Amino acid sequence: MTVEEWNAEGCRLFGGNKMDWSFVCPCCGHVASTRDYEAAGAPSTAVAFSCVGRWTEKPRGAFEKGPGPCDYAGGGLIGLNPVEVGDNGRVFAFAEVAGS
């Protein structure tokens, strides 16, 4: 999808404030919003690219069983990010919106 289509989908699902947009880690299934990444101290480039667990005190290993968040890195050897956005590369899918 194009960057414009991706932005339109985010606005449709979560509204115009990108801090409210939520994404699901393709490795552990943990859902985190842009606001969660900011609160964890993650750089803006990590949002929807690596699991927010990378910036928490005790994340589980990306391929270990158990609850998230994990330490999955979207730029690692095993790329699981499912959504291709223009020339920007691959990112996490948007999380499901309750009631939809």
PDB file of N, CA and C in Angstrom:
ATOM      1  N   MET A   1       0.840  -1.181   0.000  1.00  0.00           N
ATOM      2  CA  MET A   1       0.000   0.000   0.000  1.00  0.00           C
ATOM      3  C   MET A   1       0.878   1.234   0.000  1.00  0.00           C
ATOM      4  N   THR A   2       0.322   2.323  -0.451  1.00  0.00           N
ATOM      5  CA  THR A   2       1.080   3.571  -0.466  1.00  0.00           C
ATOM      6  C   THR A   2       1.087   4.182   0.941  1.00  0.00           C
ATOM      7  N   VAL A   3       1.974   5.120   1.147  1.00  0.00           N
ATOM      8  CA  VAL A   3       2.021   5.832   2.425  1.00  0.00           C
ATOM      9  C   VAL A   3       0.693   6.542   2.670  1.00  0.00           C
ATOM     10  N   GLU A   4       0.127   7.121   1.622  1.00  0.00           N
ATOM     11  CA  GLU A   4      -1.147   7.825   1.742  1.00  0.00           C
ATOM     12  C   GLU A   4      -2.264   6.871   2.155  1.00  0.00           C
ATOM     13  N   GLU A   5      -2.293   5.684   1.565  1.00  0.00           N
ATOM     14  CA  GLU A   5      -3.308   4.677   1.922  1.00  0.00           C
ATOM     15  C   GLU A   5      -3.127   4.219   3.362  1.00  0.00           C
ATOM     16  N   TRP A   6      -1.890   4.031   3.772  1.00  0.00           N
ATOM     17  CA  TRP A   6      -1.610   3.592   5.138  1.00  0.00           C
ATOM     18  C   TRP A   6      -2.060   4.656   6.141  1.00  0.00           C
ATOM     19  N   ASN A   7      -1.727   5.914   5.856  1.00  0.00           N
ATOM     20  CA  ASN A   7      -2.164   7.007   6.730  1.00  0.00           C
ATOM     21  C   ASN A   7      -3.679   7.116   6.770  1.00  0.00           C
ATOM     22  N   ALA A   8      -4.338   6.950   5.635  1.00  0.00           N
ATOM     23  CA  ALA A   8      -5.804   7.010   5.594  1.00  0.00           C
ATOM     24  C   ALA A   8      -6.420   5.880   6.424  1.00  0.00           C
ATOM     25  N   GLU A   9      -5.828   4.697   6.353  1.00  0.00           N
ATOM     26  CA  GLU A   9      -6.341   3.567   7.136  1.00  0.00           C
ATOM     27  C   GLU A   9      -6.143   3.813   8.625  1.00  0.00           C
ATOM     28  N   GLY A  10      -4.996   4.348   9.018  1.00  0.00           N
ATOM     29  CA  GLY A  10      -4.768   4.673  10.422  1.00  0.00           C
ATOM     30  C   GLY A  10      -5.772   5.696  10.925  1.00  0.00           C
ATOM     31  N   CYS A  11      -6.045   6.708  10.131  1.00  0.00           N
ATOM     32  CA  CYS A  11      -7.033   7.732  10.509  1.00  0.00           C
ATOM     33  C   CYS A  11      -8.426   7.134  10.607  1.00  0.00           C
ATOM     34  N   ARG A  12      -8.756   6.240   9.677  1.00  0.00           N
ATOM     35  CA  ARG A  12     -10.074   5.615   9.703  1.00  0.00           C
ATOM     36  C   ARG A  12     -10.257   4.777  10.966  1.00  0.00           C
ATOM     37  N   LEU A  13      -9.228   4.052  11.331  1.00  0.00           N
ATOM     38  CA  LEU A  13      -9.318   3.153  12.488  1.00  0.00           C
ATOM     39  C   LEU A  13      -9.228   3.883  13.828  1.00  0.00           C
ATOM     40  N   PHE A  14      -8.307   4.850  13.929  1.00  0.00           N
ATOM     41  CA  PHE A  14      -7.963   5.417  15.234  1.00  0.00           C
ATOM     42  C   PHE A  14      -8.140   6.926  15.350  1.00  0.00           C
ATOM     43  N   GLY A  15      -8.429   7.598  14.249  1.00  0.00           N
ATOM     44  CA  GLY A  15      -8.531   9.052  14.277  1.00  0.00           C
ATOM     45  C   GLY A  15      -7.234   9.701  13.826  1.00  0.00           C
ATOM     46  N   GLY A  16      -7.234  11.008  13.757  1.00  0.00           N
ATOM     47  CA  GLY A  16      -6.112  11.753  13.216  1.00  0.00           C
ATOM     48  C   GLY A  16      -4.906  11.892  14.122  1.00  0.00           C
ATOM     49  N   ASN A  17      -5.043  11.609  15.410  1.00  0.00           N
ATOM     50  CA  ASN A  17      -3.912  11.719  16.329  1.00  0.00           C
ATOM     51  C   ASN A  17      -3.105  10.423  16.285  1.00  0.00           C
ATOM     52  N   LYS A  18      -1.937  10.457  15.651  1.00  0.00           N
ATOM     53  CA  LYS A  18      -1.130   9.239  15.481  1.00  0.00           C
ATOM     54  C   LYS A  18      -0.659   8.645  16.805  1.00  0.00           C
ATOM     55  N   MET A  19      -0.706   9.417  17.889  1.00  0.00           N
ATOM     56  CA  MET A  19      -0.356   8.870  19.203  1.00  0.00           C
ATOM     57  C   MET A  19      -1.365   7.811  19.632  1.00  0.00           C
ATOM     58  N   ASP A  20      -2.570   7.847  19.070  1.00  0.00           N
ATOM     59  CA  ASP A  20      -3.625   6.892  19.407  1.00  0.00           C
ATOM     60  C   ASP A  20      -3.601   5.643  18.526  1.00  0.00           C
ATOM     61  N   TRP A  21      -2.776   5.619  17.508  1.00  0.00           N
ATOM     62  CA  TRP A  21      -2.721   4.480  16.609  1.00  0.00           C
ATOM     63  C   TRP A  21      -2.050   3.301  17.321  1.00  0.00           C
ATOM     64  N   SER A  22      -2.585   2.104  17.122  1.00  0.00           N
ATOM     65  CA  SER A  22      -2.044   0.909  17.773  1.00  0.00           C
ATOM     66  C   SER A  22      -1.654  -0.135  16.735  1.00  0.00           C
ATOM     67  N   PHE A  23      -0.625  -0.882  17.080  1.00  0.00           N
ATOM     68  CA  PHE A  23      -0.053  -1.876  16.184  1.00  0.00           C
ATOM     69  C   PHE A  23       0.159  -3.184  16.940  1.00  0.00           C
ATOM     70  N   VAL A  24       0.143  -4.291  16.196  1.00  0.00           N
ATOM     71  CA  VAL A  24       0.320  -5.596  16.824  1.00  0.00           C
ATOM     72  C   VAL A  24       1.655  -6.197  16.384  1.00  0.00           C
ATOM     73  N   CYS A  25       2.441  -6.606  17.359  1.00  0.00           N
ATOM     74  CA  CYS A  25       3.729  -7.236  17.077  1.00  0.00           C
ATOM     75  C   CYS A  25       3.474  -8.568  16.369  1.00  0.00           C
ATOM     76  N   PRO A  26       4.082  -8.801  15.213  1.00  0.00           N
ATOM     77  CA  PRO A  26       3.852 -10.049  14.488  1.00  0.00           C
ATOM     78  C   PRO A  26       4.507 -11.256  15.144  1.00  0.00           C
ATOM     79  N   CYS A  27       5.355 -11.022  16.122  1.00  0.00           N
ATOM     80  CA  CYS A  27       6.043 -12.115  16.785  1.00  0.00           C
ATOM     81  C   CYS A  27       5.306 -12.573  18.043  1.00  0.00           C
ATOM     82  N   CYS A  28       4.942 -11.642  18.925  1.00  0.00           N
ATOM     83  CA  CYS A  28       4.329 -12.022  20.205  1.00  0.00           C
ATOM     84  C   CYS A  28       2.852 -11.653  20.309  1.00  0.00           C
ATOM     85  N   GLY A  29       2.351 -10.818  19.382  1.00  0.00           N
ATOM     86  CA  GLY A  29       0.945 -10.428  19.415  1.00  0.00           C
ATOM     87  C   GLY A  29       0.630  -9.279  20.350  1.00  0.00           C
ATOM     88  N   HIS A  30       1.638  -8.722  21.000  1.00  0.00           N
ATOM     89  CA  HIS A  30       1.412  -7.603  21.922  1.00  0.00           C
ATOM     90  C   HIS A  30       0.951  -6.380  21.133  1.00  0.00           C
ATOM     91  N   VAL A  31      -0.056  -5.700  21.656  1.00  0.00           N
ATOM     92  CA  VAL A  31      -0.573  -4.487  21.029  1.00  0.00           C
ATOM     93  C   VAL A  31      -0.026  -3.276  21.779  1.00  0.00           C
ATOM     94  N   ALA A  32       0.528  -2.333  21.018  1.00  0.00           N
ATOM     95  CA  ALA A  32       1.069  -1.109  21.614  1.00  0.00           C
ATOM     96  C   ALA A  32       0.713   0.081  20.734  1.00  0.00           C
ATOM     97  N   SER A  33       0.418   1.181  21.395  1.00  0.00           N
ATOM     98  CA  SER A  33       0.120   2.421  20.674  1.00  0.00           C
ATOM     99  C   SER A  33       1.406   3.229  20.510  1.00  0.00           C
ATOM    100  N   THR A  34       1.349   4.218  19.650  1.00  0.00           N
ATOM    101  CA  THR A  34       2.474   5.128  19.497  1.00  0.00           C
ATOM    102  C   THR A  34       2.812   5.753  20.842  1.00  0.00           C
ATOM    103  N   ARG A  35       1.792   6.052  21.623  1.00  0.00           N
ATOM    104  CA  ARG A  35       1.980   6.630  22.964  1.00  0.00           C
ATOM    105  C   ARG A  35       2.754   5.656  23.863  1.00  0.00           C
ATOM    106  N   ASP A  36       2.481   4.354  23.740  1.00  0.00           N
ATOM    107  CA  ASP A  36       3.200   3.344  24.530  1.00  0.00           C
ATOM    108  C   ASP A  36       4.690   3.331  24.181  1.00  0.00           C
ATOM    109  N   TYR A  37       4.995   3.449  22.888  1.00  0.00           N
ATOM    110  CA  TYR A  37       6.399   3.496  22.473  1.00  0.00           C
ATOM    111  C   TYR A  37       7.081   4.721  23.080  1.00  0.00           C
ATOM    112  N   GLU A  38       6.413   5.855  23.008  1.00  0.00           N
ATOM    113  CA  GLU A  38       6.992   7.084  23.559  1.00  0.00           C
ATOM    114  C   GLU A  38       7.234   6.942  25.065  1.00  0.00           C
ATOM    115  N   ALA A  39       6.255   6.379  25.778  1.00  0.00           N
ATOM    116  CA  ALA A  39       6.376   6.207  27.223  1.00  0.00           C
ATOM    117  C   ALA A  39       7.526   5.264  27.587  1.00  0.00           C
ATOM    118  N   ALA A  40       7.802   4.296  26.707  1.00  0.00           N
ATOM    119  CA  ALA A  40       8.883   3.345  26.960  1.00  0.00           C
ATOM    120  C   ALA A  40      10.252   3.916  26.607  1.00  0.00           C
ATOM    121  N   GLY A  41      10.266   5.089  25.963  1.00  0.00           N
ATOM    122  CA  GLY A  41      11.531   5.702  25.582  1.00  0.00           C
ATOM    123  C   GLY A  41      12.066   5.243  24.244  1.00  0.00           C
ATOM    124  N   ALA A  42      11.222   4.601  23.449  1.00  0.00           N
ATOM    125  CA  ALA A  42      11.644   4.120  22.132  1.00  0.00           C
ATOM    126  C   ALA A  42      11.760   5.289  21.155  1.00  0.00           C
ATOM    127  N   PRO A  43      12.672   5.206  20.198  1.00  0.00           N
ATOM    128  CA  PRO A  43      12.749   6.253  19.186  1.00  0.00           C
ATOM    129  C   PRO A  43      11.534   6.171  18.260  1.00  0.00           C
ATOM    130  N   SER A  44      11.182   7.271  17.647  1.00  0.00           N
ATOM    131  CA  SER A  44      10.000   7.281  16.779  1.00  0.00           C
ATOM    132  C   SER A  44      10.142   6.302  15.618  1.00  0.00           C
ATOM    133  N   THR A  45      11.356   6.006  15.202  1.00  0.00           N
ATOM    134  CA  THR A  45      11.571   5.063  14.103  1.00  0.00           C
ATOM    135  C   THR A  45      11.245   3.624  14.487  1.00  0.00           C
ATOM    136  N   ALA A  46      11.077   3.337  15.762  1.00  0.00           N
ATOM    137  CA  ALA A  46      10.757   1.981  16.219  1.00  0.00           C
ATOM    138  C   ALA A  46       9.266   1.684  16.175  1.00  0.00           C
ATOM    139  N   VAL A  47       8.435   2.721  16.148  1.00  0.00           N
ATOM    140  CA  VAL A  47       6.983   2.536  16.183  1.00  0.00           C
ATOM    141  C   VAL A  47       6.541   1.716  14.981  1.00  0.00           C
ATOM    142  N   ALA A  48       5.828   0.624  15.251  1.00  0.00           N
ATOM    143  CA  ALA A  48       5.302  -0.286  14.232  1.00  0.00           C
ATOM    144  C   ALA A  48       6.398  -0.992  13.442  1.00  0.00           C
ATOM    145  N   PHE A  49       7.630  -0.962  13.948  1.00  0.00           N
ATOM    146  CA  PHE A  49       8.740  -1.629  13.277  1.00  0.00           C
ATOM    147  C   PHE A  49       9.376  -2.700  14.153  1.00  0.00           C
ATOM    148  N   SER A  50       9.555  -2.411  15.435  1.00  0.00           N
ATOM    149  CA  SER A  50      10.079  -3.365  16.413  1.00  0.00           C
ATOM    150  C   SER A  50       9.131  -3.386  17.598  1.00  0.00           C
ATOM    151  N   CYS A  51       9.099  -4.503  18.319  1.00  0.00           N
ATOM    152  CA  CYS A  51       8.185  -4.604  19.460  1.00  0.00           C
ATOM    153  C   CYS A  51       8.590  -3.610  20.545  1.00  0.00           C
ATOM    154  N   VAL A  52       7.596  -3.005  21.167  1.00  0.00           N
ATOM    155  CA  VAL A  52       7.840  -2.039  22.238  1.00  0.00           C
ATOM    156  C   VAL A  52       8.594  -2.682  23.402  1.00  0.00           C
ATOM    157  N   GLY A  53       8.553  -4.002  23.493  1.00  0.00           N
ATOM    158  CA  GLY A  53       9.271  -4.701  24.557  1.00  0.00           C
ATOM    159  C   GLY A  53      10.767  -4.457  24.550  1.00  0.00           C
ATOM    160  N   ARG A  54      11.313  -4.098  23.404  1.00  0.00           N
ATOM    161  CA  ARG A  54      12.752  -3.813  23.321  1.00  0.00           C
ATOM    162  C   ARG A  54      13.149  -2.660  24.235  1.00  0.00           C
ATOM    163  N   TRP A  55      12.177  -1.852  24.636  1.00  0.00           N
ATOM    164  CA  TRP A  55      12.457  -0.695  25.484  1.00  0.00           C
ATOM    165  C   TRP A  55      11.858  -0.855  26.872  1.00  0.00           C
ATOM    166  N   THR A  56      11.496  -2.082  27.239  1.00  0.00           N
ATOM    167  CA  THR A  56      11.000  -2.334  28.589  1.00  0.00           C
ATOM    168  C   THR A  56      12.090  -3.046  29.387  1.00  0.00           C
ATOM    169  N   GLU A  57      11.889  -3.114  30.674  1.00  0.00           N
ATOM    170  CA  GLU A  57      12.929  -3.649  31.551  1.00  0.00           C
ATOM    171  C   GLU A  57      13.208  -5.138  31.335  1.00  0.00           C
ATOM    172  N   LYS A  58      12.170  -5.934  31.174  1.00  0.00           N
ATOM    173  CA  LYS A  58      12.381  -7.380  31.062  1.00  0.00           C
ATOM    174  C   LYS A  58      11.510  -7.984  29.957  1.00  0.00           C
ATOM    175  N   PRO A  59      11.826  -7.705  28.692  1.00  0.00           N
ATOM    176  CA  PRO A  59      11.040  -8.322  27.633  1.00  0.00           C
ATOM    177  C   PRO A  59      11.394  -9.800  27.525  1.00  0.00           C
ATOM    178  N   ARG A  60      10.454 -10.561  27.016  1.00  0.00           N
ATOM    179  CA  ARG A  60      10.777 -11.966  26.761  1.00  0.00           C
ATOM    180  C   ARG A  60      11.471 -12.052  25.412  1.00  0.00           C
ATOM    181  N   GLY A  61      12.164 -13.144  25.178  1.00  0.00           N
ATOM    182  CA  GLY A  61      12.806 -13.343  23.880  1.00  0.00           C
ATOM    183  C   GLY A  61      11.753 -13.435  22.788  1.00  0.00           C
ATOM    184  N   ALA A  62      12.074 -12.951  21.623  1.00  0.00           N
ATOM    185  CA  ALA A  62      11.110 -12.879  20.534  1.00  0.00           C
ATOM    186  C   ALA A  62      10.474 -14.231  20.214  1.00  0.00           C
ATOM    187  N   PHE A  63      11.218 -15.300  20.314  1.00  0.00           N
ATOM    188  CA  PHE A  63      10.675 -16.595  19.920  1.00  0.00           C
ATOM    189  C   PHE A  63      10.466 -17.533  21.104  1.00  0.00           C
ATOM    190  N   GLU A  64      10.426 -16.962  22.309  1.00  0.00           N
ATOM    191  CA  GLU A  64      10.092 -17.724  23.509  1.00  0.00           C
ATOM    192  C   GLU A  64       8.590 -17.677  23.719  1.00  0.00           C
ATOM    193  N   LYS A  65       8.038 -18.721  24.267  1.00  0.00           N
ATOM    194  CA  LYS A  65       6.609 -18.734  24.559  1.00  0.00           C
ATOM    195  C   LYS A  65       6.331 -17.868  25.779  1.00  0.00           C
ATOM    196  N   GLY A  66       5.122 -17.320  25.829  1.00  0.00           N
ATOM    197  CA  GLY A  66       4.732 -16.501  26.962  1.00  0.00           C
ATOM    198  C   GLY A  66       4.144 -15.192  26.501  1.00  0.00           C
ATOM    199  N   PRO A  67       3.670 -14.418  27.453  1.00  0.00           N
ATOM    200  CA  PRO A  67       3.043 -13.142  27.096  1.00  0.00           C
ATOM    201  C   PRO A  67       4.077 -12.116  26.631  1.00  0.00           C
ATOM    202  N   GLY A  68       3.632 -11.217  25.799  1.00  0.00           N
ATOM    203  CA  GLY A  68       4.496 -10.132  25.317  1.00  0.00           C
ATOM    204  C   GLY A  68       4.546  -9.024  26.334  1.00  0.00           C
ATOM    205  N   PRO A  69       5.204  -7.972  26.086  1.00  0.00           N
ATOM    206  CA  PRO A  69       5.927  -7.709  24.849  1.00  0.00           C
ATOM    207  C   PRO A  69       7.267  -8.438  24.805  1.00  0.00           C
ATOM    208  N   CYS A  70       7.799  -8.516  23.599  1.00  0.00           N
ATOM    209  CA  CYS A  70       9.044  -9.253  23.411  1.00  0.00           C
ATOM    210  C   CYS A  70      10.140  -8.324  22.895  1.00  0.00           C
ATOM    211  N   ASP A  71      11.270  -8.900  22.529  1.00  0.00           N
ATOM    212  CA  ASP A  71      12.387  -8.091  22.049  1.00  0.00           C
ATOM    213  C   ASP A  71      12.581  -8.192  20.533  1.00  0.00           C
ATOM    214  N   TYR A  72      11.501  -8.483  19.790  1.00  0.00           N
ATOM    215  CA  TYR A  72      11.579  -8.614  18.338  1.00  0.00           C
ATOM    216  C   TYR A  72      12.030  -7.310  17.686  1.00  0.00           C
ATOM    217  N   ALA A  73      12.955  -7.416  16.747  1.00  0.00           N
ATOM    218  CA  ALA A  73      13.437  -6.262  15.981  1.00  0.00           C
ATOM    219  C   ALA A  73      13.046  -6.440  14.523  1.00  0.00           C
ATOM    220  N   GLY A  74      12.310  -5.505  13.999  1.00  0.00           N
ATOM    221  CA  GLY A  74      11.851  -5.591  12.617  1.00  0.00           C
ATOM    222  C   GLY A  74      12.975  -5.600  11.603  1.00  0.00           C
ATOM    223  N   GLY A  75      14.106  -5.079  11.952  1.00  0.00           N
ATOM    224  CA  GLY A  75      15.222  -5.023  11.020  1.00  0.00           C
ATOM    225  C   GLY A  75      16.172  -6.190  11.154  1.00  0.00           C
ATOM    226  N   GLY A  76      15.785  -7.192  11.920  1.00  0.00           N
ATOM    227  CA  GLY A  76      16.659  -8.334  12.138  1.00  0.00           C
ATOM    228  C   GLY A  76      16.692  -9.295  10.963  1.00  0.00           C
ATOM    229  N   LEU A  77      17.346 -10.397  11.163  1.00  0.00           N
ATOM    230  CA  LEU A  77      17.515 -11.411  10.122  1.00  0.00           C
ATOM    231  C   LEU A  77      16.183 -12.000   9.676  1.00  0.00           C
ATOM    232  N   ILE A  78      15.271 -12.221  10.625  1.00  0.00           N
ATOM    233  CA  ILE A  78      13.965 -12.811  10.314  1.00  0.00           C
ATOM    234  C   ILE A  78      12.938 -11.686  10.300  1.00  0.00           C
ATOM    235  N   GLY A  79      12.581 -11.232   9.125  1.00  0.00           N
ATOM    236  CA  GLY A  79      11.634 -10.133   8.987  1.00  0.00           C
ATOM    237  C   GLY A  79      10.194 -10.618   8.942  1.00  0.00           C
ATOM    238  N   LEU A  80       9.442 -10.340   9.980  1.00  0.00           N
ATOM    239  CA  LEU A  80       8.052 -10.776  10.059  1.00  0.00           C
ATOM    240  C   LEU A  80       7.047  -9.652   9.818  1.00  0.00           C
ATOM    241  N   ASN A  81       7.514  -8.416   9.699  1.00  0.00           N
ATOM    242  CA  ASN A  81       6.592  -7.293   9.547  1.00  0.00           C
ATOM    243  C   ASN A  81       5.737  -7.505   8.298  1.00  0.00           C
ATOM    244  N   PRO A  82       4.413  -7.577   8.469  1.00  0.00           N
ATOM    245  CA  PRO A  82       3.539  -8.035   7.384  1.00  0.00           C
ATOM    246  C   PRO A  82       3.075  -6.994   6.370  1.00  0.00           C
ATOM    247  N   VAL A  83       3.214  -5.713   6.666  1.00  0.00           N
ATOM    248  CA  VAL A  83       2.619  -4.694   5.801  1.00  0.00           C
ATOM    249  C   VAL A  83       3.706  -3.888   5.105  1.00  0.00           C
ATOM    250  N   GLU A  84       3.682  -3.877   3.790  1.00  0.00           N
ATOM    251  CA  GLU A  84       4.630  -3.070   3.033  1.00  0.00           C
ATOM    252  C   GLU A  84       4.000  -1.713   2.751  1.00  0.00           C
ATOM    253  N   VAL A  85       4.712  -0.650   3.116  1.00  0.00           N
ATOM    254  CA  VAL A  85       4.195   0.710   2.950  1.00  0.00           C
ATOM    255  C   VAL A  85       5.135   1.486   2.037  1.00  0.00           C
ATOM    256  N   GLY A  86       4.737   1.638   0.783  1.00  0.00           N
ATOM    257  CA  GLY A  86       5.525   2.393  -0.184  1.00  0.00           C
ATOM    258  C   GLY A  86       6.975   1.982  -0.177  1.00  0.00           C
ATOM    259  N   ASP A  87       7.847   2.958  -0.266  1.00  0.00           N
ATOM    260  CA  ASP A  87       9.288   2.710  -0.239  1.00  0.00           C
ATOM    261  C   ASP A  87       9.844   2.714   1.172  1.00  0.00           C
ATOM    262  N   ASN A  88       8.954   2.836   2.169  1.00  0.00           N
ATOM    263  CA  ASN A  88       9.380   2.909   3.566  1.00  0.00           C
ATOM    264  C   ASN A  88       9.687   1.555   4.172  1.00  0.00           C
ATOM    265  N   GLY A  89       9.370   0.483   3.485  1.00  0.00           N
ATOM    266  CA  GLY A  89       9.642  -0.846   3.993  1.00  0.00           C
ATOM    267  C   GLY A  89       8.427  -1.487   4.630  1.00  0.00           C
ATOM    268  N   ARG A  90       8.678  -2.454   5.478  1.00  0.00           N
ATOM    269  CA  ARG A  90       7.610  -3.248   6.083  1.00  0.00           C
ATOM    270  C   ARG A  90       7.400  -2.842   7.535  1.00  0.00           C
ATOM    271  N   VAL A  91       6.132  -2.826   7.955  1.00  0.00           N
ATOM    272  CA  VAL A  91       5.757  -2.424   9.307  1.00  0.00           C
ATOM    273  C   VAL A  91       4.751  -3.406   9.882  1.00  0.00           C
ATOM    274  N   PHE A  92       4.434  -3.233  11.163  1.00  0.00           N
ATOM    275  CA  PHE A  92       3.420  -4.043  11.829  1.00  0.00           C
ATOM    276  C   PHE A  92       2.037  -3.705  11.273  1.00  0.00           C
ATOM    277  N   ALA A  93       1.128  -4.637  11.405  1.00  0.00           N
ATOM    278  CA  ALA A  93      -0.276  -4.387  11.057  1.00  0.00           C
ATOM    279  C   ALA A  93      -0.910  -3.525  12.134  1.00  0.00           C
ATOM    280  N   PHE A  94      -1.921  -2.784  11.743  1.00  0.00           N
ATOM    281  CA  PHE A  94      -2.711  -2.052  12.735  1.00  0.00           C
ATOM    282  C   PHE A  94      -3.416  -3.060  13.631  1.00  0.00           C
ATOM    283  N   ALA A  95      -3.590  -2.715  14.880  1.00  0.00           N
ATOM    284  CA  ALA A  95      -4.330  -3.558  15.812  1.00  0.00           C
ATOM    285  C   ALA A  95      -5.819  -3.476  15.476  1.00  0.00           C
ATOM    286  N   GLU A  96      -6.548  -4.480  15.889  1.00  0.00           N
ATOM    287  CA  GLU A  96      -7.997  -4.448  15.708  1.00  0.00           C
ATOM    288  C   GLU A  96      -8.589  -3.430  16.661  1.00  0.00           C
ATOM    289  N   VAL A  97      -9.626  -2.776  16.196  1.00  0.00           N
ATOM    290  CA  VAL A  97     -10.313  -1.778  16.995  1.00  0.00           C
ATOM    291  C   VAL A  97     -11.490  -2.460  17.679  1.00  0.00           C
ATOM    292  N   ALA A  98     -11.611  -2.282  18.988  1.00  0.00           N
ATOM    293  CA  ALA A  98     -12.718  -2.893  19.742  1.00  0.00           C
ATOM    294  C   ALA A  98     -14.036  -2.464  19.142  1.00  0.00           C
ATOM    295  N   GLY A  99     -14.934  -3.417  18.957  1.00  0.00           N
ATOM    296  CA  GLY A  99     -16.269  -3.129  18.456  1.00  0.00           C
ATOM    297  C   GLY A  99     -16.366  -3.069  16.946  1.00  0.00           C
ATOM    298  N   SER A 100     -15.273  -3.386  16.242  1.00  0.00           N
ATOM    299  CA  SER A 100     -15.374  -3.345  14.773  1.00  0.00           C
ATOM    300  C   SER A 100     -15.354  -4.723  14.175  1.00  0.00           C
TER     301      SER A 100
END
